[in-house]
Amino acid sequence: MEGLVQDKVAIVTGSGRGIGRGIALLMAAQGAKVVVVDPGVNIDGTGSDATPADQVVREITEAGGIAVACHESVATMEGGEAAVQAAIDAFGKLDVVVTCHGILRDRMVWDDVIAVHLKGTFAVVKHACILFRQQRSGRVITFSSTSGLYGNSGQANYGAAKDGIAGFTRVVARDMGRYGVTANAISPSASTRMIVSVPGAARDLRSQRGISGGGGDATEAVRGDADDLAPFTVWLASEEAGHVNGHVFHVAGGLVSLLNEPEAVKTIHAEGRWSVEDLVRVFPATIGIELPNPAPAPPPQA
């Protein structure tokens, strides 16, 4: 189907490279006017380079599409507002926000990772939702990760940000749904420069220690290409997905999975307050049966 997002205006953050680039190109090919937001930083967030965003804009325009570049960092409220303003200045409106920007620092560096991923998502979506509420329409598509949804050793900062984005998206869906706005999150698995930057030694060490990444076969067995994320993202941005709101999807290669909402798996109930003694007696035989441990302790030394 051609023209799935015809004449819509879409902001795609982090679209100078990788997953965002593929989304921006397909958005434009499907008729959207695209704001390519990317400051061109290194994987760890350092530096800046206008070339990646400008190159994507050039690819879109040479293919007959319409796009402009925005080199702002969305890690500040001012940057998020500037990205939204770039859409208004260039095209006079905004219909879609896709936030797939990100950096990676696996050594417990918190502030920059949280600022880019979590605050950056909030900064763009907050300012976009002011417009969306007024016009009674809009699409918000954020990017979470199995590193947060299930947990990944060594990525406490990244995982916290990504799980925060999932929670934030669920709240936006509930707050903005009555205005005709949808908000959904994608958990991607794709070969990108961010994934490649994780040393193989780190993965091997996790495996040797019996540390599970969680998620099971549905999220770990498939890792596709960066461009594989674009079709589902563009579909979520279209009118065809107007009934889809408040969900998290895992997308990898040809796999699209609807992830479950948090729910009670097992429950124990007491009349009044549990005593410590009763918990010692009851828990192991009920909730504690075959309870998985993502990082079991090594056996005691002989």
Protein backbone atom coordinates (compact mmCIF):
# COMPACT_ATOMS: atom_id res chain seq x y z
CA MET A 1 0.00 0.00 0.00
CA GLU A 2 1.45 3.35 -1.05
CA GLY A 3 0.82 6.66 0.69
CA LEU A 4 0.12 5.12 4.08
CA VAL A 5 1.14 8.37 5.80
CA GLN A 6 0.52 10.72 2.89
CA ASP A 7 0.90 14.41 3.79
CA LYS A 8 1.53 13.71 7.46
CA VAL A 9 4.42 15.48 9.17
CA ALA A 10 6.68 13.20 11.16
CA ILE A 11 9.56 13.89 13.51
CA VAL A 12 12.02 10.99 13.71
CA THR A 13 14.72 11.45 16.32
CA GLY A 14 18.04 9.67 15.98
CA SER A 15 17.35 9.28 12.27
CA GLY A 16 20.80 10.09 10.93
CA ARG A 17 21.79 6.45 11.21
CA GLY A 18 20.53 2.96 12.01
CA ILE A 19 16.93 2.25 12.91
CA GLY A 20 15.89 5.90 12.75
CA ARG A 21 17.34 6.35 9.29
CA GLY A 22 15.31 3.44 7.93
CA ILE A 23 12.15 4.82 9.52
CA ALA A 24 12.72 8.31 8.11
CA LEU A 25 13.32 6.96 4.60
CA LEU A 26 10.19 4.78 4.63
CA MET A 27 8.07 7.54 6.17
CA ALA A 28 9.06 9.78 3.28
CA ALA A 29 8.53 7.01 0.72
CA GLN A 30 5.01 6.56 2.13
CA GLY A 31 4.21 10.24 1.67
CA ALA A 32 5.17 11.91 4.95
CA LYS A 33 7.14 15.11 5.31
CA VAL A 34 9.98 14.23 7.66
CA VAL A 35 12.05 16.14 10.20
CA VAL A 36 15.32 14.24 10.52
CA VAL A 37 16.49 14.99 14.07
CA ASP A 38 20.07 13.97 14.81
CA PRO A 39 23.02 15.88 16.30
CA GLY A 40 25.40 13.28 14.90
CA VAL A 41 27.02 12.21 18.15
CA ASN A 42 29.23 9.20 18.76
CA ILE A 43 27.79 6.06 20.36
CA ASP A 44 28.73 7.35 23.81
CA GLY A 45 27.07 10.73 23.18
CA THR A 46 30.23 12.74 22.60
CA GLY A 47 30.94 14.97 19.63
CA SER A 48 28.59 16.29 16.97
CA ASP A 49 28.35 16.06 13.20
CA ALA A 50 25.67 17.50 10.92
CA THR A 51 26.57 15.09 8.12
CA PRO A 52 24.36 12.08 9.04
CA ALA A 53 21.12 14.07 9.26
CA ASP A 54 21.95 16.09 6.17
CA GLN A 55 22.75 12.92 4.23
CA VAL A 56 19.40 11.33 5.09
CA VAL A 57 17.59 14.51 4.01
CA ARG A 58 19.52 14.39 0.76
CA GLU A 59 18.55 10.76 0.17
CA ILE A 60 14.89 11.57 0.79
CA THR A 61 14.81 14.61 -1.49
CA GLU A 62 16.73 12.85 -4.27
CA ALA A 63 14.09 10.10 -4.15
CA GLY A 64 11.36 12.70 -4.57
CA GLY A 65 10.39 13.04 -0.91
CA ILE A 66 10.31 16.02 1.44
CA ALA A 67 12.50 16.39 4.53
CA VAL A 68 14.44 18.87 6.61
CA ALA A 69 17.25 18.35 9.08
CA CYS A 70 17.32 19.36 12.74
CA HIS A 71 20.66 19.02 14.51
CA GLU A 72 19.37 19.67 18.03
CA SER A 73 20.05 17.33 20.93
CA VAL A 74 16.77 16.32 22.55
CA ALA A 75 18.47 15.69 25.90
CA THR A 76 17.16 19.05 27.14
CA MET A 77 13.67 20.47 27.25
CA GLU A 78 14.85 23.26 24.95
CA GLY A 79 16.13 20.71 22.45
CA GLY A 80 12.86 18.78 22.48
CA GLU A 81 10.91 21.97 21.91
CA ALA A 82 13.27 22.97 19.09
CA ALA A 83 12.66 19.67 17.31
CA VAL A 84 8.90 20.22 17.44
CA GLN A 85 9.32 23.84 16.35
CA ALA A 86 11.39 22.69 13.38
CA ALA A 87 8.37 20.74 12.13
CA ILE A 88 6.08 23.74 12.58
CA ASP A 89 8.51 26.12 10.91
CA ALA A 90 9.07 23.85 7.93
CA PHE A 91 5.63 22.33 7.40
CA GLY A 92 3.14 24.17 9.60
CA LYS A 93 1.95 21.15 11.56
CA LEU A 94 2.94 17.91 13.27
CA ASP A 95 1.23 14.51 13.14
CA VAL A 96 3.75 11.87 14.21
CA VAL A 97 6.60 11.66 16.70
CA VAL A 98 9.03 8.73 16.62
CA THR A 99 11.73 8.77 19.31
CA CYS A 100 14.43 6.23 18.49
CA HIS A 101 17.48 8.30 19.47
CA GLY A 102 19.96 6.91 21.95
CA ILE A 103 23.47 6.48 23.27
CA LEU A 104 25.14 3.64 25.16
CA ARG A 105 27.56 3.69 28.09
CA ASP A 106 27.87 0.37 29.86
CA ARG A 107 29.89 1.56 32.85
CA MET A 108 27.22 2.90 35.21
CA VAL A 109 27.36 6.43 33.79
CA TRP A 110 23.86 7.57 34.64
CA ASP A 111 23.18 11.20 33.90
CA ASP A 112 23.93 11.30 30.17
CA VAL A 113 22.15 8.02 29.38
CA ILE A 114 19.03 8.97 31.34
CA ALA A 115 19.06 12.47 29.85
CA VAL A 116 19.28 11.28 26.25
CA HIS A 117 16.90 8.32 26.37
CA LEU A 118 14.29 9.07 29.02
CA LYS A 119 14.35 12.85 29.31
CA GLY A 120 14.89 13.16 25.55
CA THR A 121 11.77 11.12 24.87
CA PHE A 122 9.80 13.16 27.39
CA ALA A 123 11.09 16.48 26.02
CA VAL A 124 9.92 15.77 22.48
CA VAL A 125 6.64 14.04 23.37
CA LYS A 126 5.64 16.71 25.91
CA HIS A 127 5.90 19.53 23.39
CA ALA A 128 4.31 17.45 20.63
CA CYS A 129 1.35 16.60 22.84
CA ILE A 130 0.53 20.28 23.31
CA LEU A 131 -0.18 20.39 19.58
CA PHE A 132 -1.78 16.96 19.46
CA ARG A 133 -4.26 17.86 22.18
CA GLN A 134 -5.27 21.02 20.33
CA GLN A 135 -5.74 19.29 16.99
CA ARG A 136 -7.31 16.15 18.52
CA SER A 137 -5.01 13.76 16.70
CA GLY A 138 -1.44 12.46 16.74
CA ARG A 139 0.81 9.43 16.91
CA VAL A 140 3.53 8.86 19.50
CA ILE A 141 5.93 5.96 18.89
CA THR A 142 8.72 5.50 21.42
CA PHE A 143 11.54 2.98 21.67
CA SER A 144 12.06 0.77 24.69
CA SER A 145 14.38 -2.26 24.98
CA THR A 146 14.55 -5.75 26.41
CA SER A 147 17.46 -4.39 28.48
CA GLY A 148 14.86 -2.56 30.54
CA LEU A 149 11.77 -4.70 30.07
CA TYR A 150 13.58 -7.86 31.19
CA GLY A 151 16.93 -6.62 32.47
CA ASN A 152 20.42 -6.98 31.03
CA SER A 153 23.55 -7.29 33.13
CA GLY A 154 25.83 -4.25 33.05
CA GLN A 155 23.21 -1.89 31.66
CA ALA A 156 21.49 -0.49 34.73
CA ASN A 157 21.48 3.04 33.32
CA TYR A 158 20.27 2.05 29.86
CA GLY A 159 17.76 -0.47 31.24
CA ALA A 160 16.31 2.02 33.70
CA ALA A 161 15.84 4.57 30.93
CA LYS A 162 14.25 2.07 28.55
CA ASP A 163 11.87 0.63 31.13
CA GLY A 164 11.01 4.20 32.08
CA ILE A 165 10.14 4.93 28.46
CA ALA A 166 7.74 1.96 28.39
CA GLY A 167 6.01 3.21 31.53
CA PHE A 168 5.93 6.76 30.23
CA THR A 169 4.36 5.58 26.97
CA ARG A 170 1.60 3.69 28.77
CA VAL A 171 0.74 6.83 30.72
CA VAL A 172 0.74 9.03 27.61
CA ALA A 173 -1.63 6.55 25.97
CA ARG A 174 -4.09 6.91 28.83
CA ASP A 175 -3.75 10.67 29.15
CA MET A 176 -3.92 11.47 25.44
CA GLY A 177 -6.27 8.77 24.15
CA ARG A 178 -9.33 10.89 24.73
CA TYR A 179 -7.87 13.49 22.35
CA GLY A 180 -7.54 11.00 19.49
CA VAL A 181 -3.83 10.44 20.13
CA THR A 182 -2.20 7.02 20.33
CA ALA A 183 1.08 6.14 22.05
CA ASN A 184 2.90 2.83 21.64
CA ALA A 185 6.42 1.59 22.28
CA ILE A 186 8.67 -0.66 20.23
CA SER A 187 11.34 -2.90 21.71
CA PRO A 188 13.72 -3.55 18.79
CA SER A 189 16.30 -6.23 18.14
CA ALA A 190 18.54 -5.29 15.23
CA SER A 191 22.17 -5.19 14.24
CA THR A 192 23.10 -1.55 14.76
CA ARG A 193 26.32 0.23 15.68
CA MET A 194 25.06 0.40 19.28
CA ILE A 195 24.65 -3.37 19.49
CA VAL A 196 27.97 -4.00 17.76
CA SER A 197 29.68 -1.74 20.31
CA VAL A 198 28.92 -4.18 23.16
CA PRO A 199 32.06 -6.28 23.50
CA GLY A 200 31.71 -9.98 22.76
CA ALA A 201 33.63 -10.62 25.97
CA ALA A 202 30.80 -9.02 27.96
CA ARG A 203 28.24 -11.34 26.38
CA ASP A 204 30.47 -14.35 26.97
CA LEU A 205 30.94 -13.42 30.62
CA ARG A 206 27.19 -13.12 31.15
CA SER A 207 26.70 -16.53 29.57
CA GLN A 208 29.44 -18.13 31.68
CA ARG A 209 27.87 -16.78 34.85
CA GLY A 210 24.44 -18.09 33.90
CA ILE A 211 23.03 -14.58 33.66
CA SER A 212 19.84 -14.50 31.65
CA GLY A 213 18.73 -11.54 29.60
CA GLY A 214 15.11 -12.55 30.16
CA GLY A 215 12.47 -12.51 27.52
CA GLY A 216 12.96 -16.07 26.35
CA ASP A 217 13.04 -17.33 22.80
CA ALA A 218 10.60 -14.73 21.46
CA THR A 219 12.99 -11.85 22.11
CA GLU A 220 16.43 -13.44 21.99
CA ALA A 221 16.37 -15.80 19.00
CA VAL A 222 15.93 -13.20 16.25
CA ARG A 223 18.05 -10.17 15.45
CA GLY A 224 17.32 -8.53 12.13
CA ASP A 225 18.59 -5.50 10.27
CA ALA A 226 18.03 -1.90 11.30
CA ASP A 227 15.65 -1.29 8.39
CA ASP A 228 13.37 -4.12 9.54
CA LEU A 229 11.84 -1.79 12.15
CA ALA A 230 10.57 0.73 9.61
CA PRO A 231 7.44 -0.98 8.23
CA PHE A 232 5.82 -1.62 11.61
CA THR A 233 6.71 1.89 12.81
CA VAL A 234 5.18 3.49 9.73
CA TRP A 235 2.07 1.32 10.13
CA LEU A 236 1.69 2.48 13.75
CA ALA A 237 1.92 6.06 12.49
CA SER A 238 -0.91 5.56 10.02
CA GLU A 239 -4.67 5.80 10.30
CA GLU A 240 -4.76 2.01 9.91
CA ALA A 241 -3.45 1.71 13.50
CA GLY A 242 -5.80 4.22 15.07
CA HIS A 243 -7.21 1.55 17.39
CA VAL A 244 -3.79 0.50 18.74
CA ASN A 245 -2.91 2.41 21.90
CA GLY A 246 -0.85 1.84 25.04
CA HIS A 247 1.05 -1.27 23.99
CA VAL A 248 4.65 -2.45 23.78
CA PHE A 249 5.74 -4.49 20.76
CA HIS A 250 8.95 -6.41 20.21
CA VAL A 251 10.09 -6.20 16.59
CA ALA A 252 13.00 -8.14 15.10
CA GLY A 253 13.46 -9.21 11.50
CA GLY A 254 10.10 -10.62 10.40
CA LEU A 255 8.92 -11.03 13.99
CA VAL A 256 6.35 -8.75 15.63
CA SER A 257 5.34 -9.68 19.18
CA LEU A 258 2.77 -8.01 21.41
CA LEU A 259 4.35 -8.04 24.87
CA ASN A 260 2.17 -8.77 27.88
CA GLU A 261 1.15 -6.14 30.38
CA PRO A 262 2.47 -6.65 33.94
CA GLU A 263 0.11 -9.00 35.71
CA ALA A 264 -0.06 -11.13 38.83
CA VAL A 265 1.27 -14.64 38.16
CA LYS A 266 0.74 -16.18 41.59
CA THR A 267 -0.89 -14.75 44.72
CA ILE A 268 -0.93 -15.66 48.37
CA HIS A 269 -3.47 -14.14 50.72
CA ALA A 270 -3.71 -13.80 54.46
CA GLU A 271 -6.46 -12.48 56.68
CA GLY A 272 -4.94 -9.22 57.78
CA ARG A 273 -1.17 -8.71 57.74
CA TRP A 274 1.34 -11.45 56.95
CA SER A 275 3.72 -12.38 59.76
CA VAL A 276 7.35 -13.09 58.99
CA GLU A 277 6.94 -16.59 60.40
CA ASP A 278 4.01 -17.36 58.12
CA LEU A 279 5.90 -16.08 55.09
CA VAL A 280 8.83 -18.34 55.94
CA ARG A 281 6.42 -21.26 56.03
CA VAL A 282 4.13 -20.44 53.10
CA PHE A 283 6.21 -18.60 50.47
CA PRO A 284 8.59 -21.46 49.47
CA ALA A 285 5.70 -23.84 48.81
CA THR A 286 3.59 -21.34 46.83
CA ILE A 287 5.00 -18.32 45.01
CA GLY A 288 8.53 -19.55 45.58
CA ILE A 289 8.15 -22.84 43.67
CA GLU A 290 10.49 -22.89 40.65
CA LEU A 291 10.99 -19.14 40.93
CA PRO A 292 13.51 -18.20 38.21
CA ASN A 293 16.76 -16.46 39.18
CA PRO A 294 18.29 -14.42 36.33
CA ALA A 295 21.74 -14.45 37.96
CA PRO A 296 22.19 -17.43 40.30
CA ALA A 297 24.98 -17.35 42.84
CA PRO A 298 27.91 -19.68 42.17
CA PRO A 299 28.03 -22.91 44.17
CA PRO A 300 29.95 -22.71 47.46
CA GLN A 301 33.64 -23.48 47.28
CA ALA A 302 34.59 -26.92 48.51
